[in-house]
Amino acid sequence: ELAIRACKECRFSNGGHLFAAVNGNTIQIYSTHTCDNIGNLRGHNQKVRSVAWTPDDAKLISCGQDGAVYVWSLRDFKRLDESVLKSCQYTSCDATA
């Protein structure tokens, strides 16, 4: 059993070896095999509403109530790209090749 406090969104990677759990404005990345938290993605100013893995599982896309869409590297857990439209509150995102 793995307790993740206040998790409202969870998404497994396409390969199944990782999963992302959203807690407010933080995205926690876990190893599916060991259940270890291997990294945290922070940058949203409000709640993260959706996350999506790229087909190769190398990046994660996140969007939130703050109008931000971020692209994260899972190699070093850093933000690679962003698009912010403060007048918008995103509820869903997806990743394509």
N, C-alpha and C. Protein backbone atom coordinates (compact mmCIF):
# COMPACT_ATOMS: atom_id res chain seq x y z
N GLU A 1 0.84 -1.18 0.00
CA GLU A 1 0.00 0.00 0.00
C GLU A 1 0.88 1.23 0.00
N LEU A 2 0.48 2.20 -0.81
CA LEU A 2 1.24 3.44 -0.94
C LEU A 2 0.30 4.60 -0.68
N ALA A 3 0.56 5.34 0.37
CA ALA A 3 -0.29 6.48 0.72
C ALA A 3 0.27 7.74 0.07
N ILE A 4 -0.54 8.35 -0.81
CA ILE A 4 -0.16 9.61 -1.44
C ILE A 4 -1.20 10.63 -1.01
N ARG A 5 -0.77 11.57 -0.22
CA ARG A 5 -1.68 12.53 0.39
C ARG A 5 -2.35 13.41 -0.67
N ALA A 6 -3.65 13.54 -0.58
CA ALA A 6 -4.46 14.45 -1.39
C ALA A 6 -4.29 14.27 -2.90
N CYS A 7 -4.05 13.05 -3.34
CA CYS A 7 -3.87 12.78 -4.78
C CYS A 7 -5.22 12.84 -5.49
N LYS A 8 -5.32 13.72 -6.48
CA LYS A 8 -6.56 13.87 -7.26
C LYS A 8 -6.40 13.37 -8.68
N GLU A 9 -5.18 13.15 -9.12
CA GLU A 9 -4.90 12.72 -10.49
C GLU A 9 -3.69 11.80 -10.46
N CYS A 10 -3.80 10.66 -11.12
CA CYS A 10 -2.69 9.71 -11.19
C CYS A 10 -2.65 9.16 -12.61
N ARG A 11 -1.46 9.07 -13.18
CA ARG A 11 -1.34 8.57 -14.55
C ARG A 11 -0.08 7.71 -14.66
N PHE A 12 -0.26 6.48 -15.13
CA PHE A 12 0.87 5.58 -15.36
C PHE A 12 1.53 5.92 -16.68
N SER A 13 2.85 5.72 -16.73
CA SER A 13 3.58 5.93 -17.98
C SER A 13 3.15 4.86 -18.98
N ASN A 14 3.43 5.09 -20.25
CA ASN A 14 3.05 4.14 -21.28
C ASN A 14 3.74 2.80 -21.10
N GLY A 15 4.98 2.82 -20.62
CA GLY A 15 5.72 1.58 -20.37
C GLY A 15 5.35 0.93 -19.04
N GLY A 16 4.64 1.65 -18.19
CA GLY A 16 4.20 1.12 -16.92
C GLY A 16 5.23 1.14 -15.81
N HIS A 17 6.43 1.62 -16.07
CA HIS A 17 7.50 1.59 -15.07
C HIS A 17 7.48 2.80 -14.14
N LEU A 18 6.74 3.85 -14.49
CA LEU A 18 6.62 5.06 -13.67
C LEU A 18 5.17 5.46 -13.55
N PHE A 19 4.86 6.24 -12.52
CA PHE A 19 3.55 6.88 -12.47
C PHE A 19 3.67 8.25 -11.84
N ALA A 20 2.78 9.13 -12.27
CA ALA A 20 2.75 10.50 -11.78
C ALA A 20 1.53 10.67 -10.91
N ALA A 21 1.71 11.23 -9.73
CA ALA A 21 0.62 11.49 -8.79
C ALA A 21 0.59 12.98 -8.50
N VAL A 22 -0.57 13.59 -8.67
CA VAL A 22 -0.71 15.04 -8.47
C VAL A 22 -1.23 15.30 -7.06
N ASN A 23 -0.53 16.20 -6.37
CA ASN A 23 -0.94 16.64 -5.04
C ASN A 23 -0.94 18.17 -5.07
N GLY A 24 -2.11 18.76 -5.32
CA GLY A 24 -2.21 20.22 -5.40
C GLY A 24 -1.48 20.76 -6.61
N ASN A 25 -0.41 21.52 -6.38
CA ASN A 25 0.36 22.06 -7.49
C ASN A 25 1.71 21.36 -7.68
N THR A 26 1.88 20.21 -7.06
CA THR A 26 3.10 19.41 -7.19
C THR A 26 2.78 18.08 -7.84
N ILE A 27 3.66 17.67 -8.76
CA ILE A 27 3.54 16.36 -9.41
C ILE A 27 4.67 15.50 -8.87
N GLN A 28 4.31 14.37 -8.28
CA GLN A 28 5.30 13.45 -7.74
C GLN A 28 5.45 12.28 -8.71
N ILE A 29 6.69 11.93 -9.03
CA ILE A 29 6.99 10.83 -9.94
C ILE A 29 7.48 9.65 -9.10
N TYR A 30 6.86 8.48 -9.31
CA TYR A 30 7.18 7.28 -8.56
C TYR A 30 7.61 6.16 -9.48
N SER A 31 8.48 5.30 -8.98
CA SER A 31 8.81 4.06 -9.66
C SER A 31 7.71 3.06 -9.34
N THR A 32 7.15 2.45 -10.37
CA THR A 32 6.09 1.46 -10.16
C THR A 32 6.63 0.22 -9.45
N HIS A 33 7.88 -0.14 -9.74
CA HIS A 33 8.46 -1.37 -9.20
C HIS A 33 8.80 -1.26 -7.72
N THR A 34 9.32 -0.10 -7.30
CA THR A 34 9.77 0.05 -5.91
C THR A 34 8.87 0.95 -5.08
N CYS A 35 7.98 1.70 -5.73
CA CYS A 35 7.11 2.70 -5.08
C CYS A 35 7.90 3.84 -4.46
N ASP A 36 9.15 4.02 -4.88
CA ASP A 36 9.97 5.14 -4.40
C ASP A 36 9.61 6.41 -5.16
N ASN A 37 9.58 7.53 -4.46
CA ASN A 37 9.40 8.83 -5.09
C ASN A 37 10.76 9.21 -5.67
N ILE A 38 10.84 9.23 -7.01
CA ILE A 38 12.13 9.49 -7.65
C ILE A 38 12.29 10.95 -8.08
N GLY A 39 11.23 11.74 -7.98
CA GLY A 39 11.34 13.16 -8.34
C GLY A 39 10.04 13.91 -8.14
N ASN A 40 10.15 15.22 -8.01
CA ASN A 40 8.99 16.10 -7.86
C ASN A 40 9.09 17.22 -8.88
N LEU A 41 7.95 17.54 -9.48
CA LEU A 41 7.87 18.61 -10.47
C LEU A 41 7.06 19.74 -9.87
N ARG A 42 7.72 20.89 -9.70
CA ARG A 42 7.06 22.04 -9.09
C ARG A 42 7.17 23.24 -10.02
N GLY A 43 6.11 24.02 -10.11
CA GLY A 43 6.13 25.21 -10.94
C GLY A 43 4.76 25.82 -11.14
N HIS A 44 3.72 25.00 -11.04
CA HIS A 44 2.36 25.54 -11.18
C HIS A 44 2.03 26.40 -9.96
N ASN A 45 1.28 27.47 -10.19
CA ASN A 45 0.87 28.36 -9.11
C ASN A 45 -0.46 27.97 -8.49
N GLN A 46 -1.23 27.15 -9.20
CA GLN A 46 -2.49 26.64 -8.68
C GLN A 46 -2.56 25.15 -8.97
N LYS A 47 -3.70 24.54 -8.69
CA LYS A 47 -3.84 23.09 -8.81
C LYS A 47 -3.57 22.59 -10.22
N VAL A 48 -2.84 21.47 -10.29
CA VAL A 48 -2.63 20.77 -11.54
C VAL A 48 -3.88 19.94 -11.81
N ARG A 49 -4.44 20.06 -13.00
CA ARG A 49 -5.69 19.38 -13.33
C ARG A 49 -5.49 18.11 -14.14
N SER A 50 -4.39 18.03 -14.90
CA SER A 50 -4.18 16.87 -15.76
C SER A 50 -2.69 16.71 -16.07
N VAL A 51 -2.28 15.47 -16.28
CA VAL A 51 -0.92 15.16 -16.73
C VAL A 51 -1.01 14.12 -17.84
N ALA A 52 -0.02 14.15 -18.73
CA ALA A 52 0.03 13.20 -19.84
C ALA A 52 1.49 12.88 -20.15
N TRP A 53 1.78 11.61 -20.37
CA TRP A 53 3.12 11.15 -20.73
C TRP A 53 3.30 11.23 -22.25
N THR A 54 4.50 11.59 -22.70
CA THR A 54 4.79 11.50 -24.12
C THR A 54 4.91 10.02 -24.48
N PRO A 55 4.74 9.68 -25.76
CA PRO A 55 4.78 8.26 -26.15
C PRO A 55 6.05 7.51 -25.71
N ASP A 56 7.20 8.21 -25.66
CA ASP A 56 8.45 7.56 -25.25
C ASP A 56 8.72 7.64 -23.74
N ASP A 57 7.79 8.21 -22.99
CA ASP A 57 7.89 8.35 -21.52
C ASP A 57 9.07 9.22 -21.07
N ALA A 58 9.66 9.99 -21.97
CA ALA A 58 10.79 10.84 -21.61
C ALA A 58 10.35 12.18 -21.04
N LYS A 59 9.10 12.56 -21.34
CA LYS A 59 8.58 13.85 -20.87
C LYS A 59 7.18 13.69 -20.33
N LEU A 60 6.79 14.65 -19.52
CA LEU A 60 5.44 14.71 -18.97
C LEU A 60 4.88 16.09 -19.26
N ILE A 61 3.63 16.14 -19.69
CA ILE A 61 2.93 17.39 -19.94
C ILE A 61 1.98 17.61 -18.77
N SER A 62 1.90 18.83 -18.26
CA SER A 62 0.96 19.13 -17.19
C SER A 62 0.22 20.42 -17.51
N CYS A 63 -1.02 20.50 -17.04
CA CYS A 63 -1.80 21.73 -17.20
C CYS A 63 -2.59 21.96 -15.92
N GLY A 64 -2.91 23.22 -15.68
CA GLY A 64 -3.58 23.51 -14.43
C GLY A 64 -4.50 24.71 -14.47
N GLN A 65 -5.04 24.98 -13.31
CA GLN A 65 -5.98 26.09 -13.13
C GLN A 65 -5.31 27.44 -13.29
N ASP A 66 -3.98 27.47 -13.25
CA ASP A 66 -3.25 28.73 -13.38
C ASP A 66 -3.08 29.16 -14.83
N GLY A 67 -3.63 28.39 -15.78
CA GLY A 67 -3.51 28.72 -17.19
C GLY A 67 -2.18 28.31 -17.80
N ALA A 68 -1.43 27.48 -17.09
CA ALA A 68 -0.10 27.06 -17.56
C ALA A 68 -0.13 25.63 -18.09
N VAL A 69 0.59 25.44 -19.19
CA VAL A 69 0.88 24.10 -19.72
C VAL A 69 2.39 23.98 -19.72
N TYR A 70 2.91 22.98 -19.03
CA TYR A 70 4.35 22.78 -18.91
C TYR A 70 4.75 21.45 -19.52
N VAL A 71 5.96 21.43 -20.10
CA VAL A 71 6.59 20.20 -20.57
C VAL A 71 7.78 19.95 -19.66
N TRP A 72 7.81 18.77 -19.04
CA TRP A 72 8.85 18.42 -18.06
C TRP A 72 9.74 17.31 -18.59
N SER A 73 11.03 17.42 -18.33
CA SER A 73 11.98 16.35 -18.63
C SER A 73 12.00 15.39 -17.45
N LEU A 74 11.92 14.10 -17.73
CA LEU A 74 11.99 13.13 -16.65
C LEU A 74 13.41 12.61 -16.45
N ARG A 75 14.33 13.13 -17.23
CA ARG A 75 15.74 12.79 -17.03
C ARG A 75 16.29 13.56 -15.83
N ASP A 76 15.97 14.86 -15.77
CA ASP A 76 16.49 15.69 -14.68
C ASP A 76 15.40 16.44 -13.91
N PHE A 77 14.12 16.15 -14.23
CA PHE A 77 12.97 16.73 -13.53
C PHE A 77 12.95 18.26 -13.62
N LYS A 78 13.32 18.77 -14.78
CA LYS A 78 13.32 20.22 -15.03
C LYS A 78 12.26 20.56 -16.09
N ARG A 79 11.79 21.77 -16.05
CA ARG A 79 10.81 22.25 -17.03
C ARG A 79 11.53 22.58 -18.33
N LEU A 80 11.04 22.03 -19.44
CA LEU A 80 11.64 22.25 -20.75
C LEU A 80 10.95 23.35 -21.54
N ASP A 81 9.64 23.45 -21.39
CA ASP A 81 8.87 24.39 -22.19
C ASP A 81 7.62 24.79 -21.42
N GLU A 82 7.03 25.90 -21.81
CA GLU A 82 5.82 26.37 -21.15
C GLU A 82 4.98 27.22 -22.07
N SER A 83 3.70 27.23 -21.78
CA SER A 83 2.75 28.12 -22.44
C SER A 83 1.77 28.55 -21.36
N VAL A 84 1.69 29.85 -21.11
CA VAL A 84 0.83 30.35 -20.03
C VAL A 84 -0.18 31.32 -20.61
N LEU A 85 -1.44 31.04 -20.33
CA LEU A 85 -2.55 31.90 -20.72
C LEU A 85 -3.41 32.08 -19.47
N LYS A 86 -3.13 33.11 -18.72
CA LYS A 86 -3.75 33.30 -17.40
C LYS A 86 -5.26 33.40 -17.43
N SER A 87 -5.83 33.74 -18.58
CA SER A 87 -7.30 33.84 -18.67
C SER A 87 -7.96 32.48 -18.87
N CYS A 88 -7.18 31.43 -18.93
CA CYS A 88 -7.71 30.08 -19.17
C CYS A 88 -7.43 29.18 -17.97
N GLN A 89 -8.37 28.30 -17.65
CA GLN A 89 -8.17 27.28 -16.63
C GLN A 89 -8.29 25.91 -17.31
N TYR A 90 -7.15 25.28 -17.54
CA TYR A 90 -7.14 24.00 -18.24
C TYR A 90 -7.64 22.87 -17.35
N THR A 91 -8.34 21.92 -17.97
CA THR A 91 -8.84 20.76 -17.22
C THR A 91 -8.30 19.45 -17.76
N SER A 92 -7.67 19.47 -18.95
CA SER A 92 -7.18 18.23 -19.55
C SER A 92 -6.06 18.54 -20.52
N CYS A 93 -5.14 17.59 -20.66
CA CYS A 93 -4.08 17.71 -21.65
C CYS A 93 -3.75 16.33 -22.18
N ASP A 94 -3.06 16.30 -23.32
CA ASP A 94 -2.66 15.04 -23.94
C ASP A 94 -1.34 15.26 -24.66
N ALA A 95 -0.63 14.19 -24.93
CA ALA A 95 0.66 14.28 -25.62
C ALA A 95 0.63 13.39 -26.84
N THR A 96 1.21 13.89 -27.93
CA THR A 96 1.33 13.11 -29.15
C THR A 96 2.80 13.08 -29.58
N ALA A 97 3.10 12.24 -30.52
CA ALA A 97 4.48 12.09 -30.98
C ALA A 97 5.00 13.31 -31.68
